[in-house]
Protein backbone atom coordinates (compact mmCIF):
# COMPACT_ATOMS: atom_id res chain seq x y z
CA UNK A 1 -0.05 -0.23 0.35
CA UNK A 2 2.66 2.22 1.03
CA UNK A 3 4.82 1.66 -2.49
CA UNK A 4 1.28 1.72 -4.18
CA UNK A 5 1.13 5.67 -2.57
CA UNK A 6 4.69 6.21 -3.02
CA UNK A 7 4.49 5.20 -7.02
CA UNK A 8 1.48 7.13 -7.69
CA UNK A 9 3.18 10.46 -5.81
CA UNK A 10 5.55 10.31 -8.70
CA UNK A 11 3.68 9.98 -10.85
CA UNK A 12 1.92 13.47 -10.23
CA UNK A 13 5.17 15.00 -9.93
CA UNK A 14 5.64 13.56 -13.02
CA UNK A 15 2.69 14.65 -14.49
CA UNK A 16 2.95 18.10 -12.74
CA UNK A 17 6.42 18.84 -14.34
CA UNK A 18 5.08 17.63 -17.58
CA UNK A 19 2.30 20.04 -17.10
CA UNK A 20 4.47 22.78 -16.46
CA UNK A 21 7.08 22.07 -19.47
CA UNK A 22 4.17 21.64 -21.83
CA UNK A 23 2.50 25.41 -20.56
CA UNK A 24 6.35 26.73 -20.85
CA UNK A 25 6.33 25.41 -24.35
CA UNK A 26 2.69 26.63 -25.39
CA UNK A 27 3.73 30.31 -23.75
CA UNK A 28 6.95 29.79 -25.88
CA UNK A 29 5.46 29.04 -29.38
CA UNK A 30 2.09 31.54 -28.41
CA UNK A 31 4.88 34.03 -27.89
CA UNK A 32 7.10 33.14 -31.02
CA UNK A 33 3.40 33.11 -33.33
CA UNK A 34 2.52 36.65 -32.22
CA UNK A 35 5.96 37.52 -33.41
CA UNK A 36 5.80 35.77 -36.22
CA UNK A 37 2.37 37.51 -36.93
CA UNK A 38 3.63 40.78 -35.85
CA UNK A 39 6.17 40.37 -38.57
CA UNK A 40 4.38 39.19 -41.34
CA UNK A 41 2.25 42.05 -40.53
CA UNK A 42 5.12 44.60 -41.11
CA UNK A 43 5.82 43.30 -44.11
CA UNK A 44 2.41 43.38 -45.61
CA UNK A 45 2.16 47.05 -44.22
CA UNK A 46 5.45 47.52 -45.87
CA UNK A 47 4.13 46.04 -48.67
CA UNK A 48 0.97 48.11 -48.91
CA UNK A 49 3.37 51.17 -48.56
CA UNK A 50 5.61 50.38 -51.52
CA UNK A 51 2.37 49.47 -53.81
CA UNK A 52 1.03 52.93 -52.66
CA UNK A 53 4.42 54.79 -54.11
CA UNK A 54 4.70 52.71 -56.93
CA UNK A 55 1.35 53.48 -58.04
CA UNK A 56 2.16 57.28 -56.91
CA UNK A 57 5.29 57.01 -59.35
CA UNK A 58 3.15 55.64 -62.10
CA UNK A 59 0.24 58.23 -62.26
CA UNK A 60 2.90 61.39 -62.28
CA UNK A 61 5.30 59.74 -64.75
CA UNK A 62 1.81 59.31 -67.25
CA UNK A 63 0.92 62.68 -66.81
CA UNK A 64 4.35 63.67 -68.19
CA UNK A 65 5.15 64.98 -71.86
CA UNK A 66 8.21 63.14 -71.32
CA UNK A 67 8.89 60.08 -71.98
CA UNK A 68 10.01 57.78 -69.11
CA UNK A 69 11.80 54.06 -69.32
CA UNK A 70 12.50 51.86 -66.43
CA UNK A 71 15.71 49.55 -66.44
CA UNK A 72 16.91 47.12 -63.52
CA UNK A 73 20.73 46.64 -63.02
CA UNK A 74 21.00 43.76 -65.61
CA UNK A 75 18.94 46.26 -68.38
CA UNK A 76 15.94 45.06 -68.26
CA UNK A 77 13.40 47.32 -69.17
CA UNK A 78 10.48 46.85 -66.37
CA UNK A 79 8.44 49.70 -66.57
CA UNK A 80 7.75 53.08 -69.04
CA UNK A 81 4.84 55.84 -69.22
CA UNK A 82 2.43 56.46 -71.48
CA UNK A 83 4.76 58.98 -73.45
CA UNK A 84 7.22 56.80 -74.00
CA UNK A 85 4.81 54.28 -75.45
CA UNK A 86 4.26 57.63 -77.86
CA UNK A 87 7.64 58.68 -78.51
CA UNK A 88 9.33 55.13 -78.49
CA UNK A 89 6.76 52.53 -80.16
CA UNK A 90 6.67 50.86 -76.90
CA UNK A 91 3.34 48.91 -76.01
CA UNK A 92 0.38 50.24 -74.39
CA UNK A 93 1.44 48.21 -71.36
CA UNK A 94 3.90 46.03 -69.88
CA UNK A 95 3.17 42.40 -70.76
CA UNK A 96 4.87 39.10 -69.38
CA UNK A 97 8.67 39.20 -67.98
CA UNK A 98 10.83 42.36 -68.74
CA UNK A 99 12.46 42.01 -71.87
CA UNK A 100 16.25 43.74 -72.91
CA UNK A 101 16.12 47.00 -72.81
CA UNK A 102 18.14 46.26 -77.14
CA UNK A 103 15.02 44.48 -77.61
CA UNK A 104 12.28 47.39 -77.45
CA UNK A 105 14.61 50.41 -77.79
CA UNK A 106 17.17 49.26 -80.33
CA UNK A 107 19.35 52.38 -80.19
CA UNK A 108 22.76 52.15 -81.02
CA UNK A 109 23.48 55.63 -78.85
CA UNK A 110 21.24 53.59 -76.20
CA UNK A 111 23.61 50.86 -76.15
CA UNK A 112 26.66 52.98 -75.95
CA UNK A 113 25.25 55.39 -73.42
CA UNK A 114 24.81 52.06 -71.14
CA UNK A 115 28.11 50.80 -71.70
CA UNK A 116 29.45 53.95 -71.00
CA UNK A 117 27.32 54.21 -67.65
CA UNK A 118 28.75 50.91 -66.58
CA UNK A 119 32.28 51.51 -66.98
CA UNK A 120 33.79 52.25 -63.66
CA UNK A 121 36.07 55.12 -64.72
CA UNK A 122 32.92 57.04 -65.56
CA UNK A 123 33.24 60.31 -64.52
CA UNK A 124 29.00 61.19 -64.88
CA UNK A 125 25.92 59.76 -63.93
CA UNK A 126 24.23 60.57 -66.86
CA UNK A 127 24.46 60.46 -70.91
CA UNK A 128 22.33 62.37 -73.39
CA UNK A 129 22.28 62.25 -77.27
CA UNK A 130 19.68 62.99 -79.96
CA UNK A 131 18.40 61.04 -83.10
CA UNK A 132 15.47 61.23 -85.33
CA UNK A 133 12.73 58.75 -86.28
CA UNK A 134 10.68 58.69 -88.80
CA UNK A 135 7.22 60.01 -88.28
CA UNK A 136 4.67 59.18 -91.37
CA UNK A 137 5.58 61.71 -93.74
CA UNK A 138 7.73 63.64 -91.04
CA UNK A 139 10.71 63.37 -88.77
CA UNK A 140 10.13 63.01 -85.29
CA UNK A 141 13.94 64.64 -83.32
CA UNK A 142 14.24 62.69 -80.27
CA UNK A 143 16.41 64.18 -77.17
CA UNK A 144 17.23 61.10 -74.81
CA UNK A 145 18.66 61.45 -71.22
CA UNK A 146 19.92 58.33 -69.77
CA UNK A 147 20.88 58.53 -65.98
CA UNK A 148 22.20 55.45 -63.98
CA UNK A 149 20.47 55.40 -60.18
CA UNK A 150 23.49 52.88 -58.91
CA UNK A 151 22.40 49.13 -57.45
CA UNK A 152 18.53 50.06 -59.01
CA UNK A 153 19.22 50.20 -62.27
CA UNK A 154 19.14 52.74 -64.93
CA UNK A 155 16.19 55.59 -65.90
CA UNK A 156 15.81 56.55 -69.56
CA UNK A 157 13.67 60.01 -70.71
CA UNK A 158 12.87 61.10 -73.63
CA UNK A 159 11.61 64.63 -74.19
CA UNK A 160 10.23 65.26 -78.20
CA UNK A 161 12.23 68.30 -79.72
CA UNK A 162 10.35 68.53 -83.16
CA UNK A 163 8.85 71.74 -82.69
CA UNK A 164 11.24 73.40 -81.30
CA UNK A 165 13.83 72.24 -84.20
CA UNK A 166 11.17 73.53 -86.47
CA UNK A 167 10.55 76.98 -84.97
CA UNK A 168 14.49 76.83 -85.23
CA UNK A 169 14.48 76.13 -89.26
CA UNK A 170 12.31 78.87 -89.33
CA UNK A 171 14.10 80.88 -87.65
CA UNK A 172 16.91 80.50 -89.83
CA UNK A 173 14.92 81.07 -92.98
CA UNK A 174 13.14 83.89 -91.83
CA UNK A 175 16.33 85.58 -90.79
CA UNK A 176 17.71 84.52 -94.54
CA UNK A 177 15.08 85.79 -96.05
CA UNK A 178 14.76 89.16 -94.29
CA UNK A 179 18.57 89.93 -95.38
CA UNK A 180 18.08 88.80 -98.64
CA UNK A 181 14.52 91.01 -99.14
CA UNK A 182 16.26 93.87 -96.89
CA UNK A 183 19.10 93.54 -99.48
CA UNK A 184 17.42 94.08 -102.73
CA UNK A 185 15.67 97.49 -102.04
CA UNK A 186 18.76 98.85 -99.96
CA UNK A 187 21.42 97.79 -103.32
CA UNK A 188 19.06 99.41 -105.26
CA UNK A 189 18.42 102.62 -103.29
CA UNK A 190 22.68 102.83 -103.02
CA UNK A 191 23.31 102.22 -106.74
CA UNK A 192 20.75 105.37 -107.82
CA UNK A 193 22.21 107.53 -105.29
CA UNK A 194 25.73 106.76 -106.20
CA UNK A 195 24.77 107.45 -109.69
CA UNK A 196 23.23 110.43 -108.89
CA UNK A 197 26.34 111.41 -107.39
CA UNK A 198 28.89 110.25 -109.87
CA UNK A 199 27.40 112.58 -112.45
CA UNK A 200 26.33 116.15 -111.72
CA UNK A 201 25.90 116.42 -115.05
CA UNK A 202 23.04 113.80 -115.65
CA UNK A 203 20.26 114.98 -117.34
CA UNK A 204 16.49 116.14 -115.89
CA UNK A 205 14.80 113.24 -117.07
CA UNK A 206 17.36 110.86 -116.42
CA UNK A 207 17.67 112.16 -112.89
CA UNK A 208 13.98 112.75 -112.40
CA UNK A 209 13.87 108.94 -113.24
CA UNK A 210 16.30 107.69 -110.80
CA UNK A 211 15.02 109.72 -108.15
CA UNK A 212 11.24 108.04 -109.02
CA UNK A 213 13.38 104.97 -108.35
CA UNK A 214 14.81 105.51 -105.11
CA UNK A 215 11.11 106.48 -103.85
CA UNK A 216 10.11 103.66 -105.63
CA UNK A 217 12.51 101.53 -103.66
CA UNK A 218 12.07 103.11 -100.12
CA UNK A 219 8.36 102.41 -100.19
CA UNK A 220 9.12 98.73 -100.45
CA UNK A 221 11.37 99.30 -97.93
CA UNK A 222 8.79 100.98 -95.52
CA UNK A 223 5.97 98.43 -96.39
CA UNK A 224 8.60 95.75 -95.59
CA UNK A 225 9.13 96.77 -92.46
CA UNK A 226 5.99 97.94 -91.34
CA UNK A 227 4.86 94.32 -92.35
CA UNK A 228 8.02 92.67 -90.19
CA UNK A 229 6.58 95.02 -87.31
CA UNK A 230 3.38 93.94 -87.87
CA UNK A 231 4.01 89.99 -87.48
CA UNK A 232 6.58 90.67 -84.30
CA UNK A 233 3.42 92.23 -82.71
CA UNK A 234 1.14 89.04 -83.76
CA UNK A 235 3.72 86.71 -82.51
CA UNK A 236 3.75 87.96 -78.93
CA UNK A 237 0.12 89.07 -78.73
CA UNK A 238 -0.91 86.16 -76.36
CA UNK A 239 -4.44 85.77 -74.48
CA UNK A 240 -6.67 85.55 -77.72
CA UNK A 241 -9.61 87.98 -78.52
CA UNK A 242 -10.68 88.15 -75.08
CA UNK A 243 -8.91 91.44 -75.00
CA UNK A 244 -10.64 92.93 -77.93
CA UNK A 245 -13.47 94.73 -78.53
CA UNK A 246 -17.08 93.64 -80.73
CA UNK A 247 -16.03 95.25 -84.13
CA UNK A 248 -18.38 95.53 -87.02
CA UNK A 249 -16.44 92.90 -89.76
CA UNK A 250 -19.71 94.29 -92.80
CA UNK A 251 -18.60 97.96 -92.41
CA UNK A 252 -14.70 97.68 -92.13
CA UNK A 253 -15.28 94.78 -95.27
CA UNK A 254 -17.45 97.82 -96.93
CA UNK A 255 -14.68 100.53 -96.11
CA UNK A 256 -11.68 98.53 -97.49
CA UNK A 257 -13.51 98.02 -100.67
CA UNK A 258 -14.44 101.22 -101.05
CA UNK A 259 -10.53 101.88 -100.47
CA UNK A 260 -9.20 99.65 -103.33
CA UNK A 261 -12.35 99.87 -105.88
CA UNK A 262 -9.67 102.53 -108.26
CA UNK A 263 -6.88 100.03 -107.50
CA UNK A 264 -8.86 97.30 -109.49
CA UNK A 265 -10.61 100.11 -112.10
CA UNK A 266 -7.25 101.10 -112.83
CA UNK A 267 -6.35 97.28 -113.90
CA UNK A 268 -9.98 96.81 -115.69
CA UNK A 269 -11.01 94.05 -113.06
CA UNK A 270 -14.57 93.97 -112.06
CA UNK A 271 -14.36 94.51 -107.83
CA UNK A 272 -18.14 92.97 -106.63
CA UNK A 273 -18.99 92.63 -102.98
CA UNK A 274 -22.37 91.12 -101.39
CA UNK A 275 -22.24 92.00 -98.00
CA UNK A 276 -25.13 91.83 -95.37
CA UNK A 277 -26.92 95.41 -94.68
CA UNK A 278 -26.35 95.25 -90.86
CA UNK A 279 -23.69 94.96 -88.42
CA UNK A 280 -21.42 91.69 -88.46
CA UNK A 281 -19.79 91.59 -85.27
CA UNK A 282 -16.52 89.77 -83.97
CA UNK A 283 -14.33 90.05 -81.34
CA UNK A 284 -11.38 91.42 -82.96
CA UNK A 285 -9.04 94.32 -83.33
CA UNK A 286 -10.14 96.78 -85.99
CA UNK A 287 -6.86 97.93 -87.37
CA UNK A 288 -6.16 94.19 -87.28
CA UNK A 289 -9.55 93.21 -89.06
CA UNK A 290 -8.83 96.13 -92.00
CA UNK A 291 -5.36 94.40 -93.03
CA UNK A 292 -6.86 90.62 -93.14
CA UNK A 293 -9.54 92.03 -95.67
CA UNK A 294 -7.25 94.30 -97.39
CA UNK A 295 -4.78 91.57 -98.03
CA UNK A 296 -7.08 89.64 -99.07
CA UNK A 297 -8.56 91.65 -101.39
CA UNK A 298 -5.58 93.56 -102.54
CA UNK A 299 -3.58 89.71 -103.23
CA UNK A 300 -6.82 88.92 -105.66
CA UNK A 301 -6.07 92.44 -107.31
CA UNK A 302 -2.24 91.87 -108.07
CA UNK A 303 -2.72 88.20 -109.50
CA UNK A 304 -5.89 88.75 -111.10
CA UNK A 305 -5.76 89.17 -115.66
CA UNK A 306 -7.34 92.67 -117.14
CA UNK A 307 -10.88 91.94 -117.17
CA UNK A 308 -10.92 89.21 -114.57
CA UNK A 309 -13.15 89.20 -111.91
CA UNK A 310 -12.56 89.72 -108.11
CA UNK A 311 -15.43 89.04 -106.00
CA UNK A 312 -15.76 89.51 -101.81
CA UNK A 313 -18.62 87.67 -100.32
CA UNK A 314 -19.57 87.84 -96.51
CA UNK A 315 -21.78 85.64 -94.80
CA UNK A 316 -22.75 84.36 -91.48
CA UNK A 317 -24.62 81.91 -88.76
CA UNK A 318 -25.88 82.22 -85.62
CA UNK A 319 -22.14 81.46 -84.11
CA UNK A 320 -19.87 81.96 -87.34
CA UNK A 321 -18.69 84.19 -89.67
CA UNK A 322 -17.31 83.55 -93.28
CA UNK A 323 -15.27 86.02 -95.39
CA UNK A 324 -14.27 84.45 -99.01
CA UNK A 325 -12.84 86.00 -101.62
CA UNK A 326 -12.22 85.41 -105.24
CA UNK A 327 -10.74 86.12 -108.34
CA UNK A 328 -10.39 84.86 -111.97
CA UNK A 329 -6.87 84.93 -111.38
CA UNK A 330 -4.16 82.30 -112.21
CA UNK A 331 -4.64 79.92 -109.49
CA UNK A 332 -2.37 77.75 -107.30
CA UNK A 333 -0.80 74.77 -107.62
CA UNK A 334 -1.71 72.45 -104.47
CA UNK A 335 2.03 71.99 -103.22
CA UNK A 336 1.71 76.43 -103.12
CA UNK A 337 -1.60 75.58 -101.75
CA UNK A 338 -0.12 74.01 -98.87
CA UNK A 339 2.79 76.92 -98.35
CA UNK A 340 1.34 79.69 -99.72
CA UNK A 341 0.58 81.38 -95.64
CA UNK A 342 4.15 80.87 -94.85
CA UNK A 343 6.50 83.90 -94.48
CA UNK A 344 8.19 85.39 -98.10
CA UNK A 345 6.46 82.07 -99.87
CA UNK A 346 5.69 83.69 -103.15
CA UNK A 347 4.34 81.54 -106.11
CA UNK A 348 6.08 83.73 -108.55
CA UNK A 349 8.69 85.71 -106.88
CA UNK A 350 9.84 88.25 -110.16
CA UNK A 351 6.08 88.71 -110.61
CA UNK A 352 5.45 89.52 -106.85
CA UNK A 353 8.06 91.76 -106.67
CA UNK A 354 7.09 93.80 -109.34
CA UNK A 355 3.75 94.06 -108.15
CA UNK A 356 5.42 95.34 -104.44
CA UNK A 357 4.38 92.38 -102.73
CA UNK A 358 6.76 91.42 -99.60
CA UNK A 359 5.10 87.80 -99.26
CA UNK A 360 4.01 88.49 -95.54
CA UNK A 361 0.65 89.68 -96.12
CA UNK A 362 -0.83 86.16 -96.41
CA UNK A 363 1.04 85.29 -93.22
CA UNK A 364 -0.28 88.22 -91.08
CA UNK A 365 -3.48 87.24 -92.79
CA UNK A 366 -3.40 83.59 -90.85
CA UNK A 367 -1.68 85.11 -87.41
CA UNK A 368 -4.12 87.93 -87.42
CA UNK A 369 -7.04 85.55 -87.73
CA UNK A 370 -5.95 82.42 -85.56
CA UNK A 371 -4.97 85.05 -83.13
CA UNK A 372 -8.79 85.61 -83.04
CA UNK A 373 -9.71 82.39 -82.62
CA UNK A 374 -10.47 81.55 -86.36
CA UNK A 375 -9.66 79.56 -89.52
CA UNK A 376 -8.10 80.32 -93.11
CA UNK A 377 -7.61 78.42 -95.98
CA UNK A 378 -7.94 78.57 -100.07
CA UNK A 379 -9.29 76.84 -102.59
CA UNK A 380 -8.11 76.99 -106.12
CA UNK A 381 -7.38 75.85 -109.52
CA UNK A 382 -4.51 76.01 -112.17
CA UNK A 383 -5.71 78.59 -114.22
CA UNK A 384 -9.01 79.07 -113.03
CA UNK A 385 -8.60 81.43 -110.15
CA UNK A 386 -8.76 81.19 -106.45
CA UNK A 387 -10.92 81.50 -103.61
CA UNK A 388 -9.51 82.69 -99.84
CA UNK A 389 -11.88 82.43 -96.98
CA UNK A 390 -11.78 83.02 -93.40
CA UNK A 391 -13.87 81.96 -90.57
CA UNK A 392 -14.39 83.90 -87.24
CA UNK A 393 -16.29 83.26 -84.20
CA UNK A 394 -19.69 85.75 -84.54
CA UNK A 395 -21.07 87.37 -81.67
CA UNK A 396 -24.43 88.25 -80.94
CA UNK A 397 -25.81 91.22 -83.05
CA UNK A 398 -27.15 93.47 -80.14
CA UNK A 399 -23.13 93.91 -79.66
CA UNK A 400 -21.60 97.68 -79.85
CA UNK A 401 -18.75 98.20 -81.58
CA UNK A 402 -16.03 99.36 -79.47
């Protein structure tokens, strides 16, 4: 009996020890589980934070005009924005595993730039280069910058410089044309003056003829400078038509036709007009409108042969006004129609100079019309004449001209 009691006591002690060990292990396991849970929560929070940051970065880059392409350290393309898709011809979205940069952007200069950035003795973290990409019938000029991000990889930015390059080309052409156009009358004036100075016994009739030519070239020079100043003013004007007052286009057209009727009669032309009796208001500068109508009608008169017809028509709807100047003149080829509104562009340079044109009139028309929210164009056929048209937003009839 004593032995049984002793055995039971030992068994109870053992069970108690086992229970204590078990409880301790359970407590340790529970503590470890809590730590694991906390760690998992922290990982999940970190992943959500990184996902949010990535989404913000994508949203930010998607709004950029510049293309952005991200590479990993192994030069695999991992992401890009919409602008990069448009500029570099990349797919809209990344699909599948990352692809090698040379597969998506097969630019030799890009490969050289990446090699340069991977050299241990490099002295810069960024390389830039320019390249020309075909874009339909035109050429697209791209400025590409490649920057090393260290162990994170590389970032490529792509900027479309096509408009800048076109403007630079237009500026060079403009300066060259201005220099040429100024040089011609100045050289003529200088030659006539030197002849008059060196020949004091020149007959009076010859002297008078030379002075008339000097006067003609001076007038041409004055007209050219005036047109250049007008274009400069139009280029610097901002804000559209909001800053202008209502102006009666019908009245301006009638006054302009009245002033140019004598010029048409001297050439034996018929100048007709179809203009509403009441006012037709648009928001514009009065002098600018006068130049638009005058340049179009004067241009039609100059290039219409004797016994021809120049017809001016003004019509309107509730929201739009349309001015048309049609002639039975020499007409324009399709190529000339595409370029006739360019500065200094002339269909026939010799004839234009003979008629006193500067090559800037139609450019002034285009810039003025577009500056007040309108459009301008031409329909023409060789040998059958041309119709130049202008459309402008119309103001209500109860507006008052300022």
